[in-house]
Amino acid sequence: TLAGDLCLAWSDELLATCGLSPSA
């Protein structure tokens, strides 16, 4: 369950730090 929670947080982090523009 905790591993799943980590993956959930990391999914958000990957999107937020992917390098696409803030508007995109």
mmCIF file of all heavy atoms, coordinates in Angstrom:
data_MODEL
# 
_entry.id   MODEL 
# 
loop_
_atom_site.group_PDB 
_atom_site.id 
_atom_site.type_symbol 
_atom_site.label_atom_id 
_atom_site.label_alt_id 
_atom_site.label_comp_id 
_atom_site.label_asym_id 
_atom_site.label_entity_id 
_atom_site.label_seq_id 
_atom_site.pdbx_PDB_ins_code 
_atom_site.Cartn_x 
_atom_site.Cartn_y 
_atom_site.Cartn_z 
_atom_site.occupancy 
_atom_site.B_iso_or_equiv 
_atom_site.pdbx_formal_charge 
_atom_site.auth_seq_id 
_atom_site.auth_comp_id 
_atom_site.auth_asym_id 
_atom_site.auth_atom_id 
_atom_site.pdbx_PDB_model_num 
ATOM 1   N N   . THR A 1 1  ? 0.837  -1.204 0.000   1.00 0.00 ? 1  THR A N   1 
ATOM 2   C CA  . THR A 1 1  ? 0.000  0.000  0.000   1.00 0.00 ? 1  THR A CA  1 
ATOM 3   C C   . THR A 1 1  ? 0.871  1.253  0.000   1.00 0.00 ? 1  THR A C   1 
ATOM 4   O O   . THR A 1 1  ? 0.619  2.215  -0.740  1.00 0.00 ? 1  THR A O   1 
ATOM 5   C CB  . THR A 1 1  ? -0.937 0.009  1.213   1.00 0.00 ? 1  THR A CB  1 
ATOM 6   O OG1 . THR A 1 1  ? -1.797 -1.130 1.157   1.00 0.00 ? 1  THR A OG1 1 
ATOM 7   C CG2 . THR A 1 1  ? -1.787 1.275  1.242   1.00 0.00 ? 1  THR A CG2 1 
ATOM 8   N N   . LEU A 1 2  ? 1.928  1.231  0.818   1.00 0.00 ? 2  LEU A N   1 
ATOM 9   C CA  . LEU A 1 2  ? 2.836  2.379  0.853   1.00 0.00 ? 2  LEU A CA  1 
ATOM 10  C C   . LEU A 1 2  ? 3.588  2.529  -0.466  1.00 0.00 ? 2  LEU A C   1 
ATOM 11  O O   . LEU A 1 2  ? 3.827  3.649  -0.937  1.00 0.00 ? 2  LEU A O   1 
ATOM 12  C CB  . LEU A 1 2  ? 3.816  2.229  2.020   1.00 0.00 ? 2  LEU A CB  1 
ATOM 13  C CG  . LEU A 1 2  ? 3.171  2.359  3.408   1.00 0.00 ? 2  LEU A CG  1 
ATOM 14  C CD1 . LEU A 1 2  ? 4.133  1.915  4.493   1.00 0.00 ? 2  LEU A CD1 1 
ATOM 15  C CD2 . LEU A 1 2  ? 2.706  3.790  3.656   1.00 0.00 ? 2  LEU A CD2 1 
ATOM 16  N N   . ALA A 1 3  ? 3.952  1.408  -1.090  1.00 0.00 ? 3  ALA A N   1 
ATOM 17  C CA  . ALA A 1 3  ? 4.587  1.471  -2.407  1.00 0.00 ? 3  ALA A CA  1 
ATOM 18  C C   . ALA A 1 3  ? 3.639  2.104  -3.424  1.00 0.00 ? 3  ALA A C   1 
ATOM 19  O O   . ALA A 1 3  ? 4.056  2.910  -4.269  1.00 0.00 ? 3  ALA A O   1 
ATOM 20  C CB  . ALA A 1 3  ? 5.002  0.073  -2.863  1.00 0.00 ? 3  ALA A CB  1 
ATOM 21  N N   . GLY A 1 4  ? 2.361  1.748  -3.344  1.00 0.00 ? 4  GLY A N   1 
ATOM 22  C CA  . GLY A 1 4  ? 1.372  2.371  -4.224  1.00 0.00 ? 4  GLY A CA  1 
ATOM 23  C C   . GLY A 1 4  ? 1.248  3.861  -3.972  1.00 0.00 ? 4  GLY A C   1 
ATOM 24  O O   . GLY A 1 4  ? 1.123  4.656  -4.918  1.00 0.00 ? 4  GLY A O   1 
ATOM 25  N N   . ASP A 1 5  ? 1.312  4.247  -2.704  1.00 0.00 ? 5  ASP A N   1 
ATOM 26  C CA  . ASP A 1 5  ? 1.242  5.675  -2.374  1.00 0.00 ? 5  ASP A CA  1 
ATOM 27  C C   . ASP A 1 5  ? 2.448  6.424  -2.947  1.00 0.00 ? 5  ASP A C   1 
ATOM 28  O O   . ASP A 1 5  ? 2.322  7.560  -3.436  1.00 0.00 ? 5  ASP A O   1 
ATOM 29  C CB  . ASP A 1 5  ? 1.190  5.865  -0.860  1.00 0.00 ? 5  ASP A CB  1 
ATOM 30  C CG  . ASP A 1 5  ? -0.111 5.374  -0.249  1.00 0.00 ? 5  ASP A CG  1 
ATOM 31  O OD1 . ASP A 1 5  ? -1.082 5.157  -1.007  1.00 0.00 ? 5  ASP A OD1 1 
ATOM 32  O OD2 . ASP A 1 5  ? -0.166 5.194  0.984   1.00 0.00 ? 5  ASP A OD2 1 
ATOM 33  N N   . LEU A 1 6  ? 3.622  5.797  -2.882  1.00 0.00 ? 6  LEU A N   1 
ATOM 34  C CA  . LEU A 1 6  ? 4.809  6.411  -3.479  1.00 0.00 ? 6  LEU A CA  1 
ATOM 35  C C   . LEU A 1 6  ? 4.614  6.620  -4.981  1.00 0.00 ? 6  LEU A C   1 
ATOM 36  O O   . LEU A 1 6  ? 4.905  7.692  -5.519  1.00 0.00 ? 6  LEU A O   1 
ATOM 37  C CB  . LEU A 1 6  ? 6.035  5.534  -3.235  1.00 0.00 ? 6  LEU A CB  1 
ATOM 38  C CG  . LEU A 1 6  ? 6.671  5.584  -1.850  1.00 0.00 ? 6  LEU A CG  1 
ATOM 39  C CD1 . LEU A 1 6  ? 7.749  4.511  -1.736  1.00 0.00 ? 6  LEU A CD1 1 
ATOM 40  C CD2 . LEU A 1 6  ? 7.259  6.961  -1.559  1.00 0.00 ? 6  LEU A CD2 1 
ATOM 41  N N   . CYS A 1 7  ? 4.101  5.591  -5.655  1.00 0.00 ? 7  CYS A N   1 
ATOM 42  C CA  . CYS A 1 7  ? 3.885  5.704  -7.104  1.00 0.00 ? 7  CYS A CA  1 
ATOM 43  C C   . CYS A 1 7  ? 2.877  6.799  -7.434  1.00 0.00 ? 7  CYS A C   1 
ATOM 44  O O   . CYS A 1 7  ? 3.022  7.503  -8.437  1.00 0.00 ? 7  CYS A O   1 
ATOM 45  C CB  . CYS A 1 7  ? 3.408  4.366  -7.666  1.00 0.00 ? 7  CYS A CB  1 
ATOM 46  S SG  . CYS A 1 7  ? 4.696  3.095  -7.710  1.00 0.00 ? 7  CYS A SG  1 
ATOM 47  N N   . LEU A 1 8  ? 1.871  6.949  -6.589  1.00 0.00 ? 8  LEU A N   1 
ATOM 48  C CA  . LEU A 1 8  ? 0.875  7.991  -6.805  1.00 0.00 ? 8  LEU A CA  1 
ATOM 49  C C   . LEU A 1 8  ? 1.530  9.373  -6.712  1.00 0.00 ? 8  LEU A C   1 
ATOM 50  O O   . LEU A 1 8  ? 1.287  10.258 -7.543  1.00 0.00 ? 8  LEU A O   1 
ATOM 51  C CB  . LEU A 1 8  ? -0.244 7.849  -5.779  1.00 0.00 ? 8  LEU A CB  1 
ATOM 52  C CG  . LEU A 1 8  ? -1.494 8.699  -5.990  1.00 0.00 ? 8  LEU A CG  1 
ATOM 53  C CD1 . LEU A 1 8  ? -2.162 8.381  -7.316  1.00 0.00 ? 8  LEU A CD1 1 
ATOM 54  C CD2 . LEU A 1 8  ? -2.473 8.478  -4.833  1.00 0.00 ? 8  LEU A CD2 1 
ATOM 55  N N   . ALA A 1 9  ? 2.387  9.554  -5.698  1.00 0.00 ? 9  ALA A N   1 
ATOM 56  C CA  . ALA A 1 9  ? 3.086  10.835 -5.554  1.00 0.00 ? 9  ALA A CA  1 
ATOM 57  C C   . ALA A 1 9  ? 4.054  11.062 -6.715  1.00 0.00 ? 9  ALA A C   1 
ATOM 58  O O   . ALA A 1 9  ? 4.150  12.167 -7.253  1.00 0.00 ? 9  ALA A O   1 
ATOM 59  C CB  . ALA A 1 9  ? 3.831  10.861 -4.221  1.00 0.00 ? 9  ALA A CB  1 
ATOM 60  N N   . TRP A 1 10 ? 4.745  10.014 -7.109  1.00 0.00 ? 10 TRP A N   1 
ATOM 61  C CA  . TRP A 1 10 ? 5.733  10.154 -8.188  1.00 0.00 ? 10 TRP A CA  1 
ATOM 62  C C   . TRP A 1 10 ? 5.066  10.442 -9.528  1.00 0.00 ? 10 TRP A C   1 
ATOM 63  O O   . TRP A 1 10 ? 5.657  11.097 -10.392 1.00 0.00 ? 10 TRP A O   1 
ATOM 64  C CB  . TRP A 1 10 ? 6.587  8.898  -8.277  1.00 0.00 ? 10 TRP A CB  1 
ATOM 65  C CG  . TRP A 1 10 ? 7.442  8.665  -7.063  1.00 0.00 ? 10 TRP A CG  1 
ATOM 66  C CD1 . TRP A 1 10 ? 7.762  9.574  -6.097  1.00 0.00 ? 10 TRP A CD1 1 
ATOM 67  C CD2 . TRP A 1 10 ? 8.073  7.432  -6.674  1.00 0.00 ? 10 TRP A CD2 1 
ATOM 68  N NE1 . TRP A 1 10 ? 8.555  8.995  -5.133  1.00 0.00 ? 10 TRP A NE1 1 
ATOM 69  C CE2 . TRP A 1 10 ? 8.767  7.674  -5.465  1.00 0.00 ? 10 TRP A CE2 1 
ATOM 70  C CE3 . TRP A 1 10 ? 8.125  6.157  -7.227  1.00 0.00 ? 10 TRP A CE3 1 
ATOM 71  C CZ2 . TRP A 1 10 ? 9.494  6.679  -4.801  1.00 0.00 ? 10 TRP A CZ2 1 
ATOM 72  C CZ3 . TRP A 1 10 ? 8.849  5.162  -6.588  1.00 0.00 ? 10 TRP A CZ3 1 
ATOM 73  C CH2 . TRP A 1 10 ? 9.527  5.428  -5.386  1.00 0.00 ? 10 TRP A CH2 1 
ATOM 74  N N   . SER A 1 11 ? 3.854  9.945  -9.735  1.00 0.00 ? 11 SER A N   1 
ATOM 75  C CA  . SER A 1 11 ? 3.158  10.243 -10.987 1.00 0.00 ? 11 SER A CA  1 
ATOM 76  C C   . SER A 1 11 ? 2.924  11.743 -11.115 1.00 0.00 ? 11 SER A C   1 
ATOM 77  O O   . SER A 1 11 ? 3.095  12.328 -12.190 1.00 0.00 ? 11 SER A O   1 
ATOM 78  C CB  . SER A 1 11 ? 1.826  9.485  -11.058 1.00 0.00 ? 11 SER A CB  1 
ATOM 79  O OG  . SER A 1 11 ? 0.861  10.007 -10.156 1.00 0.00 ? 11 SER A OG  1 
ATOM 80  N N   . ASP A 1 12 ? 2.559  12.371 -10.016 1.00 0.00 ? 12 ASP A N   1 
ATOM 81  C CA  . ASP A 1 12 ? 2.349  13.815 -10.014 1.00 0.00 ? 12 ASP A CA  1 
ATOM 82  C C   . ASP A 1 12 ? 3.664  14.552 -10.238 1.00 0.00 ? 12 ASP A C   1 
ATOM 83  O O   . ASP A 1 12 ? 3.741  15.526 -11.001 1.00 0.00 ? 12 ASP A O   1 
ATOM 84  C CB  . ASP A 1 12 ? 1.720  14.228 -8.688  1.00 0.00 ? 12 ASP A CB  1 
ATOM 85  C CG  . ASP A 1 12 ? 1.201  15.648 -8.707  1.00 0.00 ? 12 ASP A CG  1 
ATOM 86  O OD1 . ASP A 1 12 ? 2.011  16.566 -8.512  1.00 0.00 ? 12 ASP A OD1 1 
ATOM 87  O OD2 . ASP A 1 12 ? -0.006 15.840 -8.920  1.00 0.00 ? 12 ASP A OD2 1 
ATOM 88  N N   . GLU A 1 13 ? 4.722  14.050 -9.599  1.00 0.00 ? 13 GLU A N   1 
ATOM 89  C CA  . GLU A 1 13 ? 6.029  14.692 -9.729  1.00 0.00 ? 13 GLU A CA  1 
ATOM 90  C C   . GLU A 1 13 ? 6.550  14.627 -11.162 1.00 0.00 ? 13 GLU A C   1 
ATOM 91  O O   . GLU A 1 13 ? 7.112  15.606 -11.678 1.00 0.00 ? 13 GLU A O   1 
ATOM 92  C CB  . GLU A 1 13 ? 7.024  14.016 -8.780  1.00 0.00 ? 13 GLU A CB  1 
ATOM 93  C CG  . GLU A 1 13 ? 8.393  14.665 -8.774  1.00 0.00 ? 13 GLU A CG  1 
ATOM 94  C CD  . GLU A 1 13 ? 9.337  14.016 -7.766  1.00 0.00 ? 13 GLU A CD  1 
ATOM 95  O OE1 . GLU A 1 13 ? 8.862  13.356 -6.817  1.00 0.00 ? 13 GLU A OE1 1 
ATOM 96  O OE2 . GLU A 1 13 ? 10.562 14.171 -7.949  1.00 0.00 ? 13 GLU A OE2 1 
ATOM 97  N N   . LEU A 1 14 ? 6.370  13.488 -11.830 1.00 0.00 ? 14 LEU A N   1 
ATOM 98  C CA  . LEU A 1 14 ? 6.829  13.366 -13.209 1.00 0.00 ? 14 LEU A CA  1 
ATOM 99  C C   . LEU A 1 14 ? 6.132  14.364 -14.125 1.00 0.00 ? 14 LEU A C   1 
ATOM 100 O O   . LEU A 1 14 ? 6.771  14.987 -14.984 1.00 0.00 ? 14 LEU A O   1 
ATOM 101 C CB  . LEU A 1 14 ? 6.591  11.943 -13.717 1.00 0.00 ? 14 LEU A CB  1 
ATOM 102 C CG  . LEU A 1 14 ? 7.748  10.960 -13.581 1.00 0.00 ? 14 LEU A CG  1 
ATOM 103 C CD1 . LEU A 1 14 ? 7.304  9.558  -13.939 1.00 0.00 ? 14 LEU A CD1 1 
ATOM 104 C CD2 . LEU A 1 14 ? 8.925  11.376 -14.457 1.00 0.00 ? 14 LEU A CD2 1 
ATOM 105 N N   . LEU A 1 15 ? 4.830  14.499 -13.948 1.00 0.00 ? 15 LEU A N   1 
ATOM 106 C CA  . LEU A 1 15 ? 4.108  15.466 -14.765 1.00 0.00 ? 15 LEU A CA  1 
ATOM 107 C C   . LEU A 1 15 ? 4.582  16.883 -14.468 1.00 0.00 ? 15 LEU A C   1 
ATOM 108 O O   . LEU A 1 15 ? 4.864  17.667 -15.383 1.00 0.00 ? 15 LEU A O   1 
ATOM 109 C CB  . LEU A 1 15 ? 2.603  15.346 -14.526 1.00 0.00 ? 15 LEU A CB  1 
ATOM 110 C CG  . LEU A 1 15 ? 1.732  16.314 -15.325 1.00 0.00 ? 15 LEU A CG  1 
ATOM 111 C CD1 . LEU A 1 15 ? 1.800  16.000 -16.822 1.00 0.00 ? 15 LEU A CD1 1 
ATOM 112 C CD2 . LEU A 1 15 ? 0.275  16.261 -14.853 1.00 0.00 ? 15 LEU A CD2 1 
ATOM 113 N N   . ALA A 1 16 ? 4.686  17.223 -13.196 1.00 0.00 ? 16 ALA A N   1 
ATOM 114 C CA  . ALA A 1 16 ? 5.006  18.597 -12.807 1.00 0.00 ? 16 ALA A CA  1 
ATOM 115 C C   . ALA A 1 16 ? 6.408  19.011 -13.225 1.00 0.00 ? 16 ALA A C   1 
ATOM 116 O O   . ALA A 1 16 ? 6.662  20.195 -13.478 1.00 0.00 ? 16 ALA A O   1 
ATOM 117 C CB  . ALA A 1 16 ? 4.844  18.749 -11.294 1.00 0.00 ? 16 ALA A CB  1 
ATOM 118 N N   . THR A 1 17 ? 7.339  18.056 -13.306 1.00 0.00 ? 17 THR A N   1 
ATOM 119 C CA  . THR A 1 17 ? 8.740  18.395 -13.593 1.00 0.00 ? 17 THR A CA  1 
ATOM 120 C C   . THR A 1 17 ? 9.187  17.936 -14.988 1.00 0.00 ? 17 THR A C   1 
ATOM 121 O O   . THR A 1 17 ? 10.374 17.884 -15.269 1.00 0.00 ? 17 THR A O   1 
ATOM 122 C CB  . THR A 1 17 ? 9.669  17.746 -12.541 1.00 0.00 ? 17 THR A CB  1 
ATOM 123 O OG1 . THR A 1 17 ? 9.553  16.314 -12.619 1.00 0.00 ? 17 THR A OG1 1 
ATOM 124 C CG2 . THR A 1 17 ? 9.315  18.216 -11.146 1.00 0.00 ? 17 THR A CG2 1 
ATOM 125 N N   . CYS A 1 18 ? 8.230  17.643 -15.865 1.00 0.00 ? 18 CYS A N   1 
ATOM 126 C CA  . CYS A 1 18 ? 8.569  17.070 -17.173 1.00 0.00 ? 18 CYS A CA  1 
ATOM 127 C C   . CYS A 1 18 ? 9.259  18.062 -18.101 1.00 0.00 ? 18 CYS A C   1 
ATOM 128 O O   . CYS A 1 18 ? 9.921  17.652 -19.057 1.00 0.00 ? 18 CYS A O   1 
ATOM 129 C CB  . CYS A 1 18 ? 7.317  16.505 -17.850 1.00 0.00 ? 18 CYS A CB  1 
ATOM 130 S SG  . CYS A 1 18 ? 6.141  17.785 -18.374 1.00 0.00 ? 18 CYS A SG  1 
ATOM 131 N N   . GLY A 1 19 ? 9.105  19.345 -17.862 1.00 0.00 ? 19 GLY A N   1 
ATOM 132 C CA  . GLY A 1 19 ? 9.745  20.348 -18.709 1.00 0.00 ? 19 GLY A CA  1 
ATOM 133 C C   . GLY A 1 19 ? 8.822  21.026 -19.697 1.00 0.00 ? 19 GLY A C   1 
ATOM 134 O O   . GLY A 1 19 ? 9.245  21.945 -20.399 1.00 0.00 ? 19 GLY A O   1 
ATOM 135 N N   . LEU A 1 20 ? 7.567  20.582 -19.795 1.00 0.00 ? 20 LEU A N   1 
ATOM 136 C CA  . LEU A 1 20 ? 6.611  21.304 -20.635 1.00 0.00 ? 20 LEU A CA  1 
ATOM 137 C C   . LEU A 1 20 ? 6.322  22.668 -20.016 1.00 0.00 ? 20 LEU A C   1 
ATOM 138 O O   . LEU A 1 20 ? 6.516  22.884 -18.817 1.00 0.00 ? 20 LEU A O   1 
ATOM 139 C CB  . LEU A 1 20 ? 5.314  20.504 -20.770 1.00 0.00 ? 20 LEU A CB  1 
ATOM 140 C CG  . LEU A 1 20 ? 5.393  19.212 -21.588 1.00 0.00 ? 20 LEU A CG  1 
ATOM 141 C CD1 . LEU A 1 20 ? 4.044  18.493 -21.562 1.00 0.00 ? 20 LEU A CD1 1 
ATOM 142 C CD2 . LEU A 1 20 ? 5.828  19.472 -23.024 1.00 0.00 ? 20 LEU A CD2 1 
ATOM 143 N N   . SER A 1 21 ? 5.830  23.569 -20.820 1.00 0.00 ? 21 SER A N   1 
ATOM 144 C CA  . SER A 1 21 ? 5.590  24.932 -20.351 1.00 0.00 ? 21 SER A CA  1 
ATOM 145 C C   . SER A 1 21 ? 4.510  24.945 -19.272 1.00 0.00 ? 21 SER A C   1 
ATOM 146 O O   . SER A 1 21 ? 3.629  24.075 -19.252 1.00 0.00 ? 21 SER A O   1 
ATOM 147 C CB  . SER A 1 21 ? 5.147  25.817 -21.513 1.00 0.00 ? 21 SER A CB  1 
ATOM 148 O OG  . SER A 1 21 ? 3.840  25.453 -21.943 1.00 0.00 ? 21 SER A OG  1 
ATOM 149 N N   . PRO A 1 22 ? 4.553  25.942 -18.392 1.00 0.00 ? 22 PRO A N   1 
ATOM 150 C CA  . PRO A 1 22 ? 3.507  26.053 -17.379 1.00 0.00 ? 22 PRO A CA  1 
ATOM 151 C C   . PRO A 1 22 ? 2.108  26.128 -17.982 1.00 0.00 ? 22 PRO A C   1 
ATOM 152 O O   . PRO A 1 22 ? 1.160  25.572 -17.417 1.00 0.00 ? 22 PRO A O   1 
ATOM 153 C CB  . PRO A 1 22 ? 3.867  27.349 -16.637 1.00 0.00 ? 22 PRO A CB  1 
ATOM 154 C CG  . PRO A 1 22 ? 5.348  27.472 -16.799 1.00 0.00 ? 22 PRO A CG  1 
ATOM 155 C CD  . PRO A 1 22 ? 5.633  26.937 -18.175 1.00 0.00 ? 22 PRO A CD  1 
ATOM 156 N N   . SER A 1 23 ? 1.978  26.778 -19.140 1.00 0.00 ? 23 SER A N   1 
ATOM 157 C CA  . SER A 1 23 ? 0.649  26.888 -19.750 1.00 0.00 ? 23 SER A CA  1 
ATOM 158 C C   . SER A 1 23 ? 0.164  25.527 -20.254 1.00 0.00 ? 23 SER A C   1 
ATOM 159 O O   . SER A 1 23 ? -1.026 25.200 -20.138 1.00 0.00 ? 23 SER A O   1 
ATOM 160 C CB  . SER A 1 23 ? 0.674  27.901 -20.897 1.00 0.00 ? 23 SER A CB  1 
ATOM 161 O OG  . SER A 1 23 ? 1.592  27.497 -21.909 1.00 0.00 ? 23 SER A OG  1 
ATOM 162 N N   . ALA A 1 24 ? 1.076  24.720 -20.796 1.00 0.00 ? 24 ALA A N   1 
ATOM 163 C CA  . ALA A 1 24 ? 0.695  23.385 -21.255 1.00 0.00 ? 24 ALA A CA  1 
ATOM 164 C C   . ALA A 1 24 ? 0.270  22.518 -20.082 1.00 0.00 ? 24 ALA A C   1 
ATOM 165 O O   . ALA A 1 24 ? -0.748 21.815 -20.138 1.00 0.00 ? 24 ALA A O   1 
ATOM 166 C CB  . ALA A 1 24 ? 1.860  22.732 -21.998 1.00 0.00 ? 24 ALA A CB  1 
# 
